[in-house]
Amino acid sequence: MNFRIHILSAFLLALSVSPAVTARAEQQLVAVILPGDLPRYGEAHAAFLKILENGGYGEDKVKVFVQKPNADRMSILNSLRRASSAGAELLITYGGAATDGAAQEAKKSVVLFADVYDPVGLEIVNTLGAPGVNRSGASSMTPMAPLIEALAAIVPGKKIGVLYSGDDKDSVLQVQELQVLGEKLGFSLLKQDVGTPQEAAGAVGKLAGKADVLFLSNGLMIGATTPELLALAAAKKLPVISQIPGLAEQGALINLEADPEEQGKLLAVHTLQVLGGQKAFILPVRSPKKIALVINLKTAGALGLSVPPKTLAAATRVVR
């Protein structure tokens, strides 16, 4: 008799559990690190969430825990530690700084990334084709040659002032690539290592009298202060080139960029695969397919520069 009572009690208890509680128990926790509040990260993340939901992983299946640390490394590390404390089963990181931090501080976690310029150079993965570690995602590396070739056709000078962050490895690797290419094409680099927005602003003033053009590297801290840097460069009549998405529309002369929306979509495909049971270490890093060379004719006119028809024809987009 007692046995029957226990069975009945268990049955009634099961019926009393609400569907909402059951759904929450089945949710997988995914932590997202969106540092520096960069617009391109926001655009990529919106695309990521859309693909995730379309793939059957909406709010009923996945709880997305988003953190938006400041651009400094300590803020990023604190966010990573909070994600770990929350029991996140998967880390999603945007940009080289956050991904490098995750690789160093969350070695046991699965990390999927987007908008990392050089995942191999950062030692985040062993190779693009075979990561060999529990990390993979989407690289934002674009061939720098079209950017510098367009520069050579528009700006007569051969001195490139460079802003980069020595603490941001992705930024350093990008400048190293620019150095090699610049030497081949006859450009010299005037490099300024900046660690704060104030230092970056001061560096623009220092370079204005020496450099013929200003290159803004893809560092997180620099990306977080681009409106101010572009305004300062415009006041100094210093043309700006970059690979940071969206800068030509903001006033840069030439930009070569990987599409942020595509970065989010590529990241989402990886995430669907991992949530479906695949291992990150066998998923190849995806490279960008949508790459745009953007030229701002309004900026060229304001600086008294002319754009040859051949160079203009090579542009993916033109800001008029």
C-alpha atoms as a PDB file:
ATOM      1  CA  MET A   1       0.000   0.000   0.000  1.00  0.00           C
ATOM      2  CA  ASN A   2       2.777   2.376   0.949  1.00  0.00           C
ATOM      3  CA  PHE A   3       4.514   1.584  -2.344  1.00  0.00           C
ATOM      4  CA  ARG A   4       1.392   2.637  -4.295  1.00  0.00           C
ATOM      5  CA  ILE A   5       1.154   5.855  -2.291  1.00  0.00           C
ATOM      6  CA  HIS A   6       4.778   6.699  -3.132  1.00  0.00           C
ATOM      7  CA  ILE A   7       4.182   6.060  -6.823  1.00  0.00           C
ATOM      8  CA  LEU A   8       1.068   8.251  -6.793  1.00  0.00           C
ATOM      9  CA  SER A   9       2.922  11.032  -4.948  1.00  0.00           C
ATOM     10  CA  ALA A  10       5.765  10.964  -7.482  1.00  0.00           C
ATOM     11  CA  PHE A  11       3.263  11.132 -10.347  1.00  0.00           C
ATOM     12  CA  LEU A  12       1.479  14.126  -8.823  1.00  0.00           C
ATOM     13  CA  LEU A  13       4.814  15.857  -8.185  1.00  0.00           C
ATOM     14  CA  ALA A  14       5.793  15.388 -11.823  1.00  0.00           C
ATOM     15  CA  LEU A  15       2.509  16.923 -12.940  1.00  0.00           C
ATOM     16  CA  SER A  16       3.067  19.910 -10.654  1.00  0.00           C
ATOM     17  CA  VAL A  17       6.349  20.896 -12.375  1.00  0.00           C
ATOM     18  CA  SER A  18       5.547  23.775 -14.727  1.00  0.00           C
ATOM     19  CA  PRO A  19       6.654  23.686 -18.404  1.00  0.00           C
ATOM     20  CA  ALA A  20       8.619  26.880 -17.799  1.00  0.00           C
ATOM     21  CA  VAL A  21      10.763  25.212 -15.117  1.00  0.00           C
ATOM     22  CA  THR A  22      11.368  22.221 -17.370  1.00  0.00           C
ATOM     23  CA  ALA A  23      12.375  24.482 -20.258  1.00  0.00           C
ATOM     24  CA  ARG A  24      14.827  26.396 -18.058  1.00  0.00           C
ATOM     25  CA  ALA A  25      16.410  23.142 -16.933  1.00  0.00           C
ATOM     26  CA  GLU A  26      17.034  22.208 -20.564  1.00  0.00           C
ATOM     27  CA  GLN A  27      18.601  25.553 -21.491  1.00  0.00           C
ATOM     28  CA  GLN A  28      22.301  25.674 -22.316  1.00  0.00           C
ATOM     29  CA  LEU A  29      24.202  28.676 -21.002  1.00  0.00           C
ATOM     30  CA  VAL A  30      26.213  30.573 -23.609  1.00  0.00           C
ATOM     31  CA  ALA A  31      28.329  33.515 -22.421  1.00  0.00           C
ATOM     32  CA  VAL A  32      29.073  36.328 -24.884  1.00  0.00           C
ATOM     33  CA  ILE A  33      31.902  38.857 -24.483  1.00  0.00           C
ATOM     34  CA  LEU A  34      31.254  42.080 -26.453  1.00  0.00           C
ATOM     35  CA  PRO A  35      34.105  44.428 -25.478  1.00  0.00           C
ATOM     36  CA  GLY A  36      34.395  48.141 -26.063  1.00  0.00           C
ATOM     37  CA  ASP A  37      30.808  48.625 -27.270  1.00  0.00           C
ATOM     38  CA  LEU A  38      32.023  48.678 -30.897  1.00  0.00           C
ATOM     39  CA  PRO A  39      29.279  49.079 -33.541  1.00  0.00           C
ATOM     40  CA  ARG A  40      30.719  46.306 -35.709  1.00  0.00           C
ATOM     41  CA  TYR A  41      30.531  43.857 -32.799  1.00  0.00           C
ATOM     42  CA  GLY A  42      26.904  44.803 -32.222  1.00  0.00           C
ATOM     43  CA  GLU A  43      26.102  44.257 -35.902  1.00  0.00           C
ATOM     44  CA  ALA A  44      27.839  40.890 -35.918  1.00  0.00           C
ATOM     45  CA  HIS A  45      26.083  39.790 -32.729  1.00  0.00           C
ATOM     46  CA  ALA A  46      22.636  40.708 -34.072  1.00  0.00           C
ATOM     47  CA  ALA A  47      23.294  38.500 -37.119  1.00  0.00           C
ATOM     48  CA  PHE A  48      24.603  35.755 -34.826  1.00  0.00           C
ATOM     49  CA  LEU A  49      21.429  35.698 -32.710  1.00  0.00           C
ATOM     50  CA  LYS A  50      19.180  35.633 -35.774  1.00  0.00           C
ATOM     51  CA  ILE A  51      20.936  32.604 -37.286  1.00  0.00           C
ATOM     52  CA  LEU A  52      20.976  30.872 -33.902  1.00  0.00           C
ATOM     53  CA  GLU A  53      17.216  31.275 -33.534  1.00  0.00           C
ATOM     54  CA  ASN A  54      16.545  30.208 -37.130  1.00  0.00           C
ATOM     55  CA  GLY A  55      18.651  27.120 -36.441  1.00  0.00           C
ATOM     56  CA  GLY A  56      16.348  26.040 -33.634  1.00  0.00           C
ATOM     57  CA  TYR A  57      18.237  27.522 -30.692  1.00  0.00           C
ATOM     58  CA  GLY A  58      15.995  30.294 -29.458  1.00  0.00           C
ATOM     59  CA  GLU A  59      15.499  31.449 -25.873  1.00  0.00           C
ATOM     60  CA  ASP A  60      13.793  28.165 -24.959  1.00  0.00           C
ATOM     61  CA  LYS A  61      16.956  26.210 -25.777  1.00  0.00           C
ATOM     62  CA  VAL A  62      19.807  28.632 -25.093  1.00  0.00           C
ATOM     63  CA  LYS A  63      20.296  31.284 -22.438  1.00  0.00           C
ATOM     64  CA  VAL A  64      22.636  33.934 -23.848  1.00  0.00           C
ATOM     65  CA  PHE A  65      24.535  35.746 -21.084  1.00  0.00           C
ATOM     66  CA  VAL A  66      25.952  38.952 -22.660  1.00  0.00           C
ATOM     67  CA  GLN A  67      28.678  41.040 -21.062  1.00  0.00           C
ATOM     68  CA  LYS A  68      30.070  44.295 -22.437  1.00  0.00           C
ATOM     69  CA  PRO A  69      33.385  45.040 -20.738  1.00  0.00           C
ATOM     70  CA  ASN A  70      35.420  48.160 -21.390  1.00  0.00           C
ATOM     71  CA  ALA A  71      38.265  48.060 -23.908  1.00  0.00           C
ATOM     72  CA  ASP A  72      40.991  47.376 -21.315  1.00  0.00           C
ATOM     73  CA  ARG A  73      42.287  43.858 -20.636  1.00  0.00           C
ATOM     74  CA  MET A  74      41.341  43.818 -16.945  1.00  0.00           C
ATOM     75  CA  SER A  75      37.678  44.520 -17.725  1.00  0.00           C
ATOM     76  CA  ILE A  76      37.704  41.725 -20.298  1.00  0.00           C
ATOM     77  CA  LEU A  77      39.304  39.265 -17.874  1.00  0.00           C
ATOM     78  CA  ASN A  78      36.749  40.126 -15.192  1.00  0.00           C
ATOM     79  CA  SER A  79      33.941  39.413 -17.660  1.00  0.00           C
ATOM     80  CA  LEU A  80      35.508  36.075 -18.562  1.00  0.00           C
ATOM     81  CA  ARG A  81      35.724  35.145 -14.889  1.00  0.00           C
ATOM     82  CA  ARG A  82      32.076  36.038 -14.341  1.00  0.00           C
ATOM     83  CA  ALA A  83      31.134  33.867 -17.303  1.00  0.00           C
ATOM     84  CA  SER A  84      33.084  30.981 -15.824  1.00  0.00           C
ATOM     85  CA  SER A  85      31.489  31.478 -12.409  1.00  0.00           C
ATOM     86  CA  ALA A  86      28.040  31.448 -14.019  1.00  0.00           C
ATOM     87  CA  GLY A  87      28.773  27.983 -15.409  1.00  0.00           C
ATOM     88  CA  ALA A  88      28.808  28.908 -19.098  1.00  0.00           C
ATOM     89  CA  GLU A  89      29.180  25.830 -21.295  1.00  0.00           C
ATOM     90  CA  LEU A  90      30.317  27.872 -24.296  1.00  0.00           C
ATOM     91  CA  LEU A  91      32.153  31.197 -24.643  1.00  0.00           C
ATOM     92  CA  ILE A  92      31.468  33.502 -27.598  1.00  0.00           C
ATOM     93  CA  THR A  93      34.074  36.223 -28.061  1.00  0.00           C
ATOM     94  CA  TYR A  94      34.275  39.160 -30.451  1.00  0.00           C
ATOM     95  CA  GLY A  95      37.673  40.527 -31.451  1.00  0.00           C
ATOM     96  CA  GLY A  96      41.276  39.554 -30.827  1.00  0.00           C
ATOM     97  CA  ALA A  97      41.568  41.022 -27.315  1.00  0.00           C
ATOM     98  CA  ALA A  98      38.600  39.097 -25.886  1.00  0.00           C
ATOM     99  CA  THR A  99      39.518  35.893 -27.717  1.00  0.00           C
ATOM    100  CA  ASP A 100      43.146  36.045 -26.637  1.00  0.00           C
ATOM    101  CA  GLY A 101      41.979  36.620 -23.062  1.00  0.00           C
ATOM    102  CA  ALA A 102      39.672  33.602 -23.263  1.00  0.00           C
ATOM    103  CA  ALA A 103      42.464  31.438 -24.688  1.00  0.00           C
ATOM    104  CA  GLN A 104      44.691  32.368 -21.755  1.00  0.00           C
ATOM    105  CA  GLU A 105      42.160  32.411 -18.911  1.00  0.00           C
ATOM    106  CA  ALA A 106      39.528  29.843 -19.921  1.00  0.00           C
ATOM    107  CA  LYS A 107      41.618  26.983 -21.255  1.00  0.00           C
ATOM    108  CA  LYS A 108      39.009  24.344 -20.351  1.00  0.00           C
ATOM    109  CA  SER A 109      36.115  26.158 -22.031  1.00  0.00           C
ATOM    110  CA  VAL A 110      34.952  25.856 -25.622  1.00  0.00           C
ATOM    111  CA  VAL A 111      35.589  29.242 -27.259  1.00  0.00           C
ATOM    112  CA  LEU A 112      34.050  30.351 -30.550  1.00  0.00           C
ATOM    113  CA  PHE A 113      35.126  33.722 -31.938  1.00  0.00           C
ATOM    114  CA  ALA A 114      34.470  36.308 -34.631  1.00  0.00           C
ATOM    115  CA  ASP A 115      36.407  39.315 -35.965  1.00  0.00           C
ATOM    116  CA  VAL A 116      39.864  38.020 -35.013  1.00  0.00           C
ATOM    117  CA  TYR A 117      42.391  39.329 -37.519  1.00  0.00           C
ATOM    118  CA  ASP A 118      45.004  36.576 -37.231  1.00  0.00           C
ATOM    119  CA  PRO A 119      43.937  33.566 -35.106  1.00  0.00           C
ATOM    120  CA  VAL A 120      47.100  31.621 -35.993  1.00  0.00           C
ATOM    121  CA  GLY A 121      49.450  34.515 -35.243  1.00  0.00           C
ATOM    122  CA  LEU A 122      47.698  35.012 -31.907  1.00  0.00           C
ATOM    123  CA  GLU A 123      48.194  31.288 -31.186  1.00  0.00           C
ATOM    124  CA  ILE A 124      44.460  30.918 -30.640  1.00  0.00           C
ATOM    125  CA  VAL A 125      44.426  27.999 -33.094  1.00  0.00           C
ATOM    126  CA  ASN A 126      47.207  25.842 -34.519  1.00  0.00           C
ATOM    127  CA  THR A 127      46.107  26.266 -38.143  1.00  0.00           C
ATOM    128  CA  LEU A 128      43.022  27.658 -39.853  1.00  0.00           C
ATOM    129  CA  GLY A 129      42.195  24.277 -41.359  1.00  0.00           C
ATOM    130  CA  ALA A 130      42.704  22.244 -38.194  1.00  0.00           C
ATOM    131  CA  PRO A 131      42.484  24.290 -34.972  1.00  0.00           C
ATOM    132  CA  GLY A 132      43.638  21.375 -32.798  1.00  0.00           C
ATOM    133  CA  VAL A 133      42.271  23.080 -29.669  1.00  0.00           C
ATOM    134  CA  ASN A 134      38.773  23.671 -28.292  1.00  0.00           C
ATOM    135  CA  ARG A 135      38.583  27.016 -30.108  1.00  0.00           C
ATOM    136  CA  SER A 136      37.428  28.008 -33.604  1.00  0.00           C
ATOM    137  CA  GLY A 137      35.366  30.658 -35.353  1.00  0.00           C
ATOM    138  CA  ALA A 138      35.684  33.362 -37.990  1.00  0.00           C
ATOM    139  CA  SER A 139      38.775  35.320 -39.000  1.00  0.00           C
ATOM    140  CA  SER A 140      38.423  38.900 -40.263  1.00  0.00           C
ATOM    141  CA  MET A 141      41.798  38.971 -42.034  1.00  0.00           C
ATOM    142  CA  THR A 142      41.625  40.756 -45.380  1.00  0.00           C
ATOM    143  CA  PRO A 143      44.482  41.061 -47.907  1.00  0.00           C
ATOM    144  CA  MET A 144      46.095  44.419 -47.224  1.00  0.00           C
ATOM    145  CA  ALA A 145      47.554  44.925 -50.717  1.00  0.00           C
ATOM    146  CA  PRO A 146      44.428  46.522 -52.307  1.00  0.00           C
ATOM    147  CA  LEU A 147      44.330  49.094 -49.498  1.00  0.00           C
ATOM    148  CA  ILE A 148      47.956  50.164 -49.918  1.00  0.00           C
ATOM    149  CA  GLU A 149      47.765  50.076 -53.718  1.00  0.00           C
ATOM    150  CA  ALA A 150      44.743  52.412 -53.617  1.00  0.00           C
ATOM    151  CA  LEU A 151      46.645  54.643 -51.186  1.00  0.00           C
ATOM    152  CA  ALA A 152      49.629  54.848 -53.527  1.00  0.00           C
ATOM    153  CA  ALA A 153      47.356  55.928 -56.377  1.00  0.00           C
ATOM    154  CA  ILE A 154      45.631  58.701 -54.388  1.00  0.00           C
ATOM    155  CA  VAL A 155      48.111  60.108 -51.841  1.00  0.00           C
ATOM    156  CA  PRO A 156      51.490  61.262 -53.221  1.00  0.00           C
ATOM    157  CA  GLY A 157      53.460  60.930 -49.970  1.00  0.00           C
ATOM    158  CA  LYS A 158      55.203  57.768 -48.775  1.00  0.00           C
ATOM    159  CA  LYS A 159      55.096  58.137 -44.978  1.00  0.00           C
ATOM    160  CA  ILE A 160      52.376  56.235 -43.107  1.00  0.00           C
ATOM    161  CA  GLY A 161      51.708  57.204 -39.511  1.00  0.00           C
ATOM    162  CA  VAL A 162      50.459  54.179 -37.602  1.00  0.00           C
ATOM    163  CA  LEU A 163      48.412  54.011 -34.406  1.00  0.00           C
ATOM    164  CA  TYR A 164      48.476  50.636 -32.693  1.00  0.00           C
ATOM    165  CA  SER A 165      48.277  49.138 -29.202  1.00  0.00           C
ATOM    166  CA  GLY A 166      51.259  47.102 -28.075  1.00  0.00           C
ATOM    167  CA  ASP A 167      49.055  45.329 -25.516  1.00  0.00           C
ATOM    168  CA  ASP A 168      46.665  44.196 -28.262  1.00  0.00           C
ATOM    169  CA  LYS A 169      48.342  41.342 -30.165  1.00  0.00           C
ATOM    170  CA  ASP A 170      45.892  41.504 -33.056  1.00  0.00           C
ATOM    171  CA  SER A 171      46.835  45.149 -33.586  1.00  0.00           C
ATOM    172  CA  VAL A 172      50.555  44.341 -33.471  1.00  0.00           C
ATOM    173  CA  LEU A 173      50.245  41.541 -36.028  1.00  0.00           C
ATOM    174  CA  GLN A 174      48.343  43.806 -38.395  1.00  0.00           C
ATOM    175  CA  VAL A 175      51.053  46.463 -38.210  1.00  0.00           C
ATOM    176  CA  GLN A 176      53.735  43.829 -38.857  1.00  0.00           C
ATOM    177  CA  GLU A 177      51.916  42.857 -42.047  1.00  0.00           C
ATOM    178  CA  LEU A 178      51.673  46.521 -43.046  1.00  0.00           C
ATOM    179  CA  GLN A 179      55.414  46.930 -42.426  1.00  0.00           C
ATOM    180  CA  VAL A 180      56.307  44.099 -44.809  1.00  0.00           C
ATOM    181  CA  LEU A 181      53.957  45.314 -47.527  1.00  0.00           C
ATOM    182  CA  GLY A 182      54.986  48.948 -47.085  1.00  0.00           C
ATOM    183  CA  GLU A 183      58.641  48.088 -47.609  1.00  0.00           C
ATOM    184  CA  LYS A 184      57.797  46.325 -50.872  1.00  0.00           C
ATOM    185  CA  LEU A 185      55.853  49.343 -52.153  1.00  0.00           C
ATOM    186  CA  GLY A 186      58.281  52.002 -50.934  1.00  0.00           C
ATOM    187  CA  PHE A 187      56.392  53.268 -47.863  1.00  0.00           C
ATOM    188  CA  SER A 188      57.964  53.993 -44.486  1.00  0.00           C
ATOM    189  CA  LEU A 189      56.068  53.632 -41.198  1.00  0.00           C
ATOM    190  CA  LEU A 190      56.022  56.074 -38.300  1.00  0.00           C
ATOM    191  CA  LYS A 191      54.622  53.907 -35.494  1.00  0.00           C
ATOM    192  CA  GLN A 192      52.966  55.160 -32.327  1.00  0.00           C
ATOM    193  CA  ASP A 193      52.150  52.660 -29.565  1.00  0.00           C
ATOM    194  CA  VAL A 194      49.175  54.024 -27.624  1.00  0.00           C
ATOM    195  CA  GLY A 195      47.588  52.563 -24.512  1.00  0.00           C
ATOM    196  CA  THR A 196      44.807  55.041 -23.725  1.00  0.00           C
ATOM    197  CA  PRO A 197      42.392  57.258 -25.707  1.00  0.00           C
ATOM    198  CA  GLN A 198      44.322  60.301 -24.497  1.00  0.00           C
ATOM    199  CA  GLU A 199      47.589  58.889 -25.854  1.00  0.00           C
ATOM    200  CA  ALA A 200      45.900  58.096 -29.175  1.00  0.00           C
ATOM    201  CA  ALA A 201      44.600  61.655 -29.491  1.00  0.00           C
ATOM    202  CA  GLY A 202      48.032  63.064 -28.701  1.00  0.00           C
ATOM    203  CA  ALA A 203      49.671  60.759 -31.228  1.00  0.00           C
ATOM    204  CA  VAL A 204      47.479  62.103 -34.037  1.00  0.00           C
ATOM    205  CA  GLY A 205      48.795  65.573 -33.317  1.00  0.00           C
ATOM    206  CA  LYS A 206      52.408  64.347 -33.305  1.00  0.00           C
ATOM    207  CA  LEU A 207      52.036  62.493 -36.587  1.00  0.00           C
ATOM    208  CA  ALA A 208      50.172  65.266 -38.410  1.00  0.00           C
ATOM    209  CA  GLY A 209      53.345  67.201 -39.177  1.00  0.00           C
ATOM    210  CA  LYS A 210      55.369  64.143 -40.184  1.00  0.00           C
ATOM    211  CA  ALA A 211      53.127  61.568 -41.856  1.00  0.00           C
ATOM    212  CA  ASP A 212      51.321  61.824 -45.191  1.00  0.00           C
ATOM    213  CA  VAL A 213      48.538  59.473 -44.103  1.00  0.00           C
ATOM    214  CA  LEU A 214      47.301  57.901 -40.859  1.00  0.00           C
ATOM    215  CA  PHE A 215      46.660  54.160 -40.507  1.00  0.00           C
ATOM    216  CA  LEU A 216      44.329  53.117 -37.675  1.00  0.00           C
ATOM    217  CA  SER A 217      45.046  49.514 -36.746  1.00  0.00           C
ATOM    218  CA  ASN A 218      42.346  47.082 -35.732  1.00  0.00           C
ATOM    219  CA  GLY A 219      43.080  47.355 -32.009  1.00  0.00           C
ATOM    220  CA  LEU A 220      40.177  47.323 -29.569  1.00  0.00           C
ATOM    221  CA  MET A 221      41.111  50.557 -27.796  1.00  0.00           C
ATOM    222  CA  ILE A 222      41.645  52.356 -31.107  1.00  0.00           C
ATOM    223  CA  GLY A 223      38.373  51.006 -32.472  1.00  0.00           C
ATOM    224  CA  ALA A 224      36.562  52.347 -29.416  1.00  0.00           C
ATOM    225  CA  THR A 225      37.817  55.904 -30.092  1.00  0.00           C
ATOM    226  CA  THR A 226      37.621  56.155 -33.892  1.00  0.00           C
ATOM    227  CA  PRO A 227      35.079  59.034 -34.053  1.00  0.00           C
ATOM    228  CA  GLU A 228      37.404  61.251 -32.022  1.00  0.00           C
ATOM    229  CA  LEU A 229      40.497  60.153 -33.963  1.00  0.00           C
ATOM    230  CA  LEU A 230      38.822  60.764 -37.315  1.00  0.00           C
ATOM    231  CA  ALA A 231      37.747  64.243 -36.208  1.00  0.00           C
ATOM    232  CA  LEU A 232      41.277  65.096 -35.076  1.00  0.00           C
ATOM    233  CA  ALA A 233      42.776  63.791 -38.335  1.00  0.00           C
ATOM    234  CA  ALA A 234      40.273  65.786 -40.407  1.00  0.00           C
ATOM    235  CA  ALA A 235      41.174  68.961 -38.499  1.00  0.00           C
ATOM    236  CA  LYS A 236      44.846  68.300 -39.282  1.00  0.00           C
ATOM    237  CA  LYS A 237      44.092  67.545 -42.978  1.00  0.00           C
ATOM    238  CA  LEU A 238      45.542  64.071 -42.462  1.00  0.00           C
ATOM    239  CA  PRO A 239      43.987  61.320 -44.629  1.00  0.00           C
ATOM    240  CA  VAL A 240      42.998  58.147 -42.756  1.00  0.00           C
ATOM    241  CA  ILE A 241      43.095  54.557 -43.991  1.00  0.00           C
ATOM    242  CA  SER A 242      42.090  51.459 -42.044  1.00  0.00           C
ATOM    243  CA  GLN A 243      40.632  47.962 -42.027  1.00  0.00           C
ATOM    244  CA  ILE A 244      38.121  48.759 -39.285  1.00  0.00           C
ATOM    245  CA  PRO A 245      34.609  48.236 -40.729  1.00  0.00           C
ATOM    246  CA  GLY A 246      32.537  51.364 -41.292  1.00  0.00           C
ATOM    247  CA  LEU A 247      35.337  53.937 -41.139  1.00  0.00           C
ATOM    248  CA  ALA A 248      35.002  55.234 -44.699  1.00  0.00           C
ATOM    249  CA  GLU A 249      31.372  56.139 -44.013  1.00  0.00           C
ATOM    250  CA  GLN A 250      32.629  58.027 -40.943  1.00  0.00           C
ATOM    251  CA  GLY A 251      35.210  60.018 -42.906  1.00  0.00           C
ATOM    252  CA  ALA A 252      38.249  57.819 -43.578  1.00  0.00           C
ATOM    253  CA  LEU A 253      39.669  58.205 -47.080  1.00  0.00           C
ATOM    254  CA  ILE A 254      40.074  54.476 -47.848  1.00  0.00           C
ATOM    255  CA  ASN A 255      38.899  51.421 -45.978  1.00  0.00           C
ATOM    256  CA  LEU A 256      39.275  47.692 -46.607  1.00  0.00           C
ATOM    257  CA  GLU A 257      36.894  45.714 -44.438  1.00  0.00           C
ATOM    258  CA  ALA A 258      35.410  42.326 -43.693  1.00  0.00           C
ATOM    259  CA  ASP A 259      31.616  42.451 -43.426  1.00  0.00           C
ATOM    260  CA  PRO A 260      30.518  42.396 -39.731  1.00  0.00           C
ATOM    261  CA  GLU A 261      27.182  40.762 -40.516  1.00  0.00           C
ATOM    262  CA  GLU A 262      28.962  37.932 -42.315  1.00  0.00           C
ATOM    263  CA  GLN A 263      31.278  37.521 -39.317  1.00  0.00           C
ATOM    264  CA  GLY A 264      28.246  37.015 -37.074  1.00  0.00           C
ATOM    265  CA  LYS A 265      26.710  34.501 -39.474  1.00  0.00           C
ATOM    266  CA  LEU A 266      29.924  32.478 -39.753  1.00  0.00           C
ATOM    267  CA  LEU A 267      30.203  32.448 -35.961  1.00  0.00           C
ATOM    268  CA  ALA A 268      26.589  31.286 -35.639  1.00  0.00           C
ATOM    269  CA  VAL A 269      27.154  28.343 -37.990  1.00  0.00           C
ATOM    270  CA  HIS A 270      30.045  27.184 -35.803  1.00  0.00           C
ATOM    271  CA  THR A 271      27.895  27.613 -32.708  1.00  0.00           C
ATOM    272  CA  LEU A 272      25.059  25.540 -34.170  1.00  0.00           C
ATOM    273  CA  GLN A 273      27.542  22.801 -34.962  1.00  0.00           C
ATOM    274  CA  VAL A 274      29.003  22.787 -31.445  1.00  0.00           C
ATOM    275  CA  LEU A 275      25.570  22.906 -29.788  1.00  0.00           C
ATOM    276  CA  GLY A 276      24.638  19.987 -32.026  1.00  0.00           C
ATOM    277  CA  GLY A 277      27.496  17.912 -30.660  1.00  0.00           C
ATOM    278  CA  GLN A 278      30.480  18.594 -32.925  1.00  0.00           C
ATOM    279  CA  LYS A 279      33.889  19.324 -31.414  1.00  0.00           C
ATOM    280  CA  ALA A 280      35.412  22.766 -31.903  1.00  0.00           C
ATOM    281  CA  PHE A 281      38.927  21.421 -32.453  1.00  0.00           C
ATOM    282  CA  ILE A 282      37.941  19.817 -35.778  1.00  0.00           C
ATOM    283  CA  LEU A 283      35.981  22.813 -37.138  1.00  0.00           C
ATOM    284  CA  PRO A 284      38.100  24.874 -39.576  1.00  0.00           C
ATOM    285  CA  VAL A 285      38.295  28.616 -38.970  1.00  0.00           C
ATOM    286  CA  ARG A 286      36.121  30.366 -41.539  1.00  0.00           C
ATOM    287  CA  SER A 287      37.593  33.235 -43.553  1.00  0.00           C
ATOM    288  CA  PRO A 288      35.661  36.271 -44.816  1.00  0.00           C
ATOM    289  CA  LYS A 289      34.167  36.173 -48.308  1.00  0.00           C
ATOM    290  CA  LYS A 290      32.468  39.593 -48.267  1.00  0.00           C
ATOM    291  CA  ILE A 291      35.379  42.037 -48.382  1.00  0.00           C
ATOM    292  CA  ALA A 292      34.849  45.653 -49.413  1.00  0.00           C
ATOM    293  CA  LEU A 293      37.268  48.324 -50.602  1.00  0.00           C
ATOM    294  CA  VAL A 294      35.546  51.620 -49.776  1.00  0.00           C
ATOM    295  CA  ILE A 295      36.674  55.052 -50.984  1.00  0.00           C
ATOM    296  CA  ASN A 296      35.266  58.309 -49.647  1.00  0.00           C
ATOM    297  CA  LEU A 297      35.179  60.882 -52.463  1.00  0.00           C
ATOM    298  CA  LYS A 298      33.874  63.584 -50.121  1.00  0.00           C
ATOM    299  CA  THR A 299      36.968  63.202 -47.956  1.00  0.00           C
ATOM    300  CA  ALA A 300      39.231  63.145 -51.002  1.00  0.00           C
ATOM    301  CA  GLY A 301      37.699  66.408 -52.211  1.00  0.00           C
ATOM    302  CA  ALA A 302      38.058  68.051 -48.794  1.00  0.00           C
ATOM    303  CA  LEU A 303      41.741  67.084 -48.744  1.00  0.00           C
ATOM    304  CA  GLY A 304      42.359  68.252 -52.321  1.00  0.00           C
ATOM    305  CA  LEU A 305      43.097  64.716 -53.544  1.00  0.00           C
ATOM    306  CA  SER A 306      41.983  63.196 -56.824  1.00  0.00           C
ATOM    307  CA  VAL A 307      41.057  59.539 -57.272  1.00  0.00           C
ATOM    308  CA  PRO A 308      42.141  57.981 -60.604  1.00  0.00           C
ATOM    309  CA  PRO A 309      39.278  56.320 -62.543  1.00  0.00           C
ATOM    310  CA  LYS A 310      41.014  52.931 -62.384  1.00  0.00           C
ATOM    311  CA  THR A 311      41.232  53.117 -58.585  1.00  0.00           C
ATOM    312  CA  LEU A 312      37.637  54.256 -58.325  1.00  0.00           C
ATOM    313  CA  ALA A 313      36.514  51.362 -60.524  1.00  0.00           C
ATOM    314  CA  ALA A 314      38.269  48.915 -58.188  1.00  0.00           C
ATOM    315  CA  ALA A 315      36.223  50.122 -55.214  1.00  0.00           C
ATOM    316  CA  THR A 316      33.386  47.992 -53.890  1.00  0.00           C
ATOM    317  CA  ARG A 317      31.612  51.051 -52.507  1.00  0.00           C
ATOM    318  CA  VAL A 318      32.073  54.782 -53.013  1.00  0.00           C
ATOM    319  CA  VAL A 319      30.976  57.422 -50.506  1.00  0.00           C
ATOM    320  CA  ARG A 320      29.959  60.541 -52.403  1.00  0.00           C
END
